[in-house]
Amino acid sequence: MTMIGAIALDGFRGFMTIESGTSANVFEAFTEQQLVAPIRSDLGRWRMGLIETPLEFTAEPAENAENEIVGGLNEITEKIIGGAITVHRALGPGLLESAYETCLAFELAELG
């Protein structure tokens, strides 16, 4: 599984999850849609005089987005580790990795 996310100056820009590995084409499409397109839009509105500046250069939105991401990642991490501990306690040691993997996938699906 691959997760791609982006933080822009105005906050969290986008997030995408892919069931398998990603390719250059997928990453390029994500970058174009989530990062480049909004910048082009801001530049166009600035040229038409609709906004004062095309970009606001402050760290506050990025910091807020980072805190939002870190909080979300901590929650996800807690679920993954908690699920792994639950599975290991239920199955005990000594089984093949595939058994733990299957049970962990089920446990994580139950946790949401």
C-alpha atoms as a PDB file:
ATOM      1  CA  MET A   1       0.000   0.000   0.000  1.00  0.00           C
ATOM      2  CA  THR A   2       1.244   3.482  -0.858  1.00  0.00           C
ATOM      3  CA  MET A   3       0.090   6.725   0.730  1.00  0.00           C
ATOM      4  CA  ILE A   4       0.857  10.081  -0.871  1.00  0.00           C
ATOM      5  CA  GLY A   5       0.090  13.373   0.833  1.00  0.00           C
ATOM      6  CA  ALA A   6       0.970  17.010   0.332  1.00  0.00           C
ATOM      7  CA  ILE A   7       1.202  20.090   2.504  1.00  0.00           C
ATOM      8  CA  ALA A   8       0.832  23.455   0.785  1.00  0.00           C
ATOM      9  CA  LEU A   9       1.191  26.969   2.142  1.00  0.00           C
ATOM     10  CA  ASP A  10      -2.550  27.140   2.700  1.00  0.00           C
ATOM     11  CA  GLY A  11      -2.702  23.842   4.570  1.00  0.00           C
ATOM     12  CA  PHE A  12      -3.183  20.181   3.825  1.00  0.00           C
ATOM     13  CA  ARG A  13      -3.572  19.850   0.064  1.00  0.00           C
ATOM     14  CA  GLY A  14      -4.492  16.263  -0.619  1.00  0.00           C
ATOM     15  CA  PHE A  15      -4.080  12.621   0.186  1.00  0.00           C
ATOM     16  CA  MET A  16      -4.198   9.500  -1.923  1.00  0.00           C
ATOM     17  CA  THR A  17      -3.946   5.813  -1.027  1.00  0.00           C
ATOM     18  CA  ILE A  18      -3.027   3.211  -3.619  1.00  0.00           C
ATOM     19  CA  GLU A  19      -3.492  -0.494  -2.922  1.00  0.00           C
ATOM     20  CA  SER A  20      -0.132  -1.418  -4.432  1.00  0.00           C
ATOM     21  CA  GLY A  21       3.132   0.321  -5.171  1.00  0.00           C
ATOM     22  CA  THR A  22       3.045   3.543  -7.109  1.00  0.00           C
ATOM     23  CA  SER A  23       4.674   4.538 -10.355  1.00  0.00           C
ATOM     24  CA  ALA A  24       6.129   7.752 -11.673  1.00  0.00           C
ATOM     25  CA  ASN A  25       2.946   8.318 -13.700  1.00  0.00           C
ATOM     26  CA  VAL A  26       0.701   8.043 -10.639  1.00  0.00           C
ATOM     27  CA  PHE A  27       2.914  10.366  -8.601  1.00  0.00           C
ATOM     28  CA  GLU A  28       3.098  12.862 -11.482  1.00  0.00           C
ATOM     29  CA  ALA A  29      -0.711  12.870 -11.838  1.00  0.00           C
ATOM     30  CA  PHE A  30      -1.122  13.426  -8.099  1.00  0.00           C
ATOM     31  CA  THR A  31       1.389  16.282  -8.156  1.00  0.00           C
ATOM     32  CA  GLU A  32      -0.302  17.938 -11.131  1.00  0.00           C
ATOM     33  CA  GLN A  33      -3.802  17.681  -9.636  1.00  0.00           C
ATOM     34  CA  GLN A  34      -3.046  18.469  -6.009  1.00  0.00           C
ATOM     35  CA  LEU A  35      -0.128  20.908  -6.207  1.00  0.00           C
ATOM     36  CA  VAL A  36       0.359  22.496  -9.609  1.00  0.00           C
ATOM     37  CA  ALA A  37      -3.289  23.107 -10.548  1.00  0.00           C
ATOM     38  CA  PRO A  38      -4.111  25.208  -7.441  1.00  0.00           C
ATOM     39  CA  ILE A  39      -0.949  27.281  -7.905  1.00  0.00           C
ATOM     40  CA  ARG A  40      -1.873  27.950 -11.530  1.00  0.00           C
ATOM     41  CA  SER A  41      -5.357  28.935 -10.408  1.00  0.00           C
ATOM     42  CA  ASP A  42      -3.955  31.425  -7.861  1.00  0.00           C
ATOM     43  CA  LEU A  43      -1.629  32.913 -10.473  1.00  0.00           C
ATOM     44  CA  GLY A  44      -4.516  33.323 -12.905  1.00  0.00           C
ATOM     45  CA  ARG A  45      -6.695  35.054 -10.313  1.00  0.00           C
ATOM     46  CA  TRP A  46      -3.750  37.325  -9.381  1.00  0.00           C
ATOM     47  CA  ARG A  47      -3.193  38.305 -13.029  1.00  0.00           C
ATOM     48  CA  MET A  48      -6.882  39.190 -13.364  1.00  0.00           C
ATOM     49  CA  GLY A  49      -6.653  41.331 -10.224  1.00  0.00           C
ATOM     50  CA  LEU A  50      -9.021  39.136  -8.233  1.00  0.00           C
ATOM     51  CA  ILE A  51      -6.535  38.556  -5.421  1.00  0.00           C
ATOM     52  CA  GLU A  52      -3.775  40.758  -4.049  1.00  0.00           C
ATOM     53  CA  THR A  53      -0.945  38.214  -4.085  1.00  0.00           C
ATOM     54  CA  PRO A  54      -0.807  34.827  -5.777  1.00  0.00           C
ATOM     55  CA  LEU A  55       0.669  33.099  -2.740  1.00  0.00           C
ATOM     56  CA  GLU A  56       0.795  33.885   0.931  1.00  0.00           C
ATOM     57  CA  PHE A  57       4.179  33.071   2.403  1.00  0.00           C
ATOM     58  CA  THR A  58       3.449  32.238   6.012  1.00  0.00           C
ATOM     59  CA  ALA A  59       4.373  29.156   7.959  1.00  0.00           C
ATOM     60  CA  GLU A  60       1.203  29.062  10.057  1.00  0.00           C
ATOM     61  CA  PRO A  61      -1.039  27.161   7.580  1.00  0.00           C
ATOM     62  CA  ALA A  62       1.722  24.647   6.923  1.00  0.00           C
ATOM     63  CA  GLU A  63       2.269  24.185  10.657  1.00  0.00           C
ATOM     64  CA  ASN A  64      -1.461  23.663  11.177  1.00  0.00           C
ATOM     65  CA  ALA A  65      -1.527  21.117   8.361  1.00  0.00           C
ATOM     66  CA  GLU A  66       1.525  19.370   9.788  1.00  0.00           C
ATOM     67  CA  ASN A  67      -0.154  19.127  13.198  1.00  0.00           C
ATOM     68  CA  GLU A  68      -3.271  17.728  11.518  1.00  0.00           C
ATOM     69  CA  ILE A  69      -1.201  15.118   9.668  1.00  0.00           C
ATOM     70  CA  VAL A  70       0.882  14.165  12.700  1.00  0.00           C
ATOM     71  CA  GLY A  71      -2.270  13.771  14.800  1.00  0.00           C
ATOM     72  CA  GLY A  72      -3.816  11.560  12.133  1.00  0.00           C
ATOM     73  CA  LEU A  73      -0.643   9.515  11.767  1.00  0.00           C
ATOM     74  CA  ASN A  74      -0.429   9.015  15.531  1.00  0.00           C
ATOM     75  CA  GLU A  75      -3.990   7.698  15.536  1.00  0.00           C
ATOM     76  CA  ILE A  76      -3.243   5.344  12.634  1.00  0.00           C
ATOM     77  CA  THR A  77      -0.002   4.204  14.263  1.00  0.00           C
ATOM     78  CA  GLU A  78      -1.804   3.462  17.523  1.00  0.00           C
ATOM     79  CA  LYS A  79      -4.369   1.339  15.661  1.00  0.00           C
ATOM     80  CA  ILE A  80      -1.671  -0.602  13.783  1.00  0.00           C
ATOM     81  CA  ILE A  81       0.451  -1.317  16.861  1.00  0.00           C
ATOM     82  CA  GLY A  82      -2.590  -2.083  19.005  1.00  0.00           C
ATOM     83  CA  GLY A  83      -3.926  -4.441  16.340  1.00  0.00           C
ATOM     84  CA  ALA A  84      -0.564  -6.200  16.058  1.00  0.00           C
ATOM     85  CA  ILE A  85      -0.397  -6.670  19.837  1.00  0.00           C
ATOM     86  CA  THR A  86      -3.974  -8.014  19.906  1.00  0.00           C
ATOM     87  CA  VAL A  87      -3.221 -10.505  17.130  1.00  0.00           C
ATOM     88  CA  HIS A  88       0.031 -11.658  18.714  1.00  0.00           C
ATOM     89  CA  ARG A  89      -1.645 -12.148  22.110  1.00  0.00           C
ATOM     90  CA  ALA A  90      -4.442 -14.164  20.499  1.00  0.00           C
ATOM     91  CA  LEU A  91      -2.234 -16.353  18.272  1.00  0.00           C
ATOM     92  CA  GLY A  92       0.945 -16.541  20.301  1.00  0.00           C
ATOM     93  CA  PRO A  93       4.440 -16.980  18.866  1.00  0.00           C
ATOM     94  CA  GLY A  94       5.714 -19.444  16.283  1.00  0.00           C
ATOM     95  CA  LEU A  95       3.280 -19.180  13.363  1.00  0.00           C
ATOM     96  CA  LEU A  96       4.104 -18.266   9.793  1.00  0.00           C
ATOM     97  CA  GLU A  97       4.151 -14.573   8.975  1.00  0.00           C
ATOM     98  CA  SER A  98       1.225 -15.020   6.590  1.00  0.00           C
ATOM     99  CA  ALA A  99      -1.022 -16.094   9.485  1.00  0.00           C
ATOM    100  CA  TYR A 100      -0.216 -12.942  11.449  1.00  0.00           C
ATOM    101  CA  GLU A 101      -0.583 -10.809   8.308  1.00  0.00           C
ATOM    102  CA  THR A 102      -4.052 -12.183   7.530  1.00  0.00           C
ATOM    103  CA  CYS A 103      -5.254 -11.754  11.102  1.00  0.00           C
ATOM    104  CA  LEU A 104      -3.792  -8.265  11.355  1.00  0.00           C
ATOM    105  CA  ALA A 105      -5.555  -7.257   8.132  1.00  0.00           C
ATOM    106  CA  PHE A 106      -8.848  -8.499   9.621  1.00  0.00           C
ATOM    107  CA  GLU A 107      -8.173  -6.719  12.932  1.00  0.00           C
ATOM    108  CA  LEU A 108      -7.346  -3.420  11.195  1.00  0.00           C
ATOM    109  CA  ALA A 109     -10.481  -3.683   9.060  1.00  0.00           C
ATOM    110  CA  GLU A 110     -12.508  -4.140  12.266  1.00  0.00           C
ATOM    111  CA  LEU A 111     -10.826  -1.108  13.836  1.00  0.00           C
ATOM    112  CA  GLY A 112     -11.581   1.023  10.786  1.00  0.00           C
END
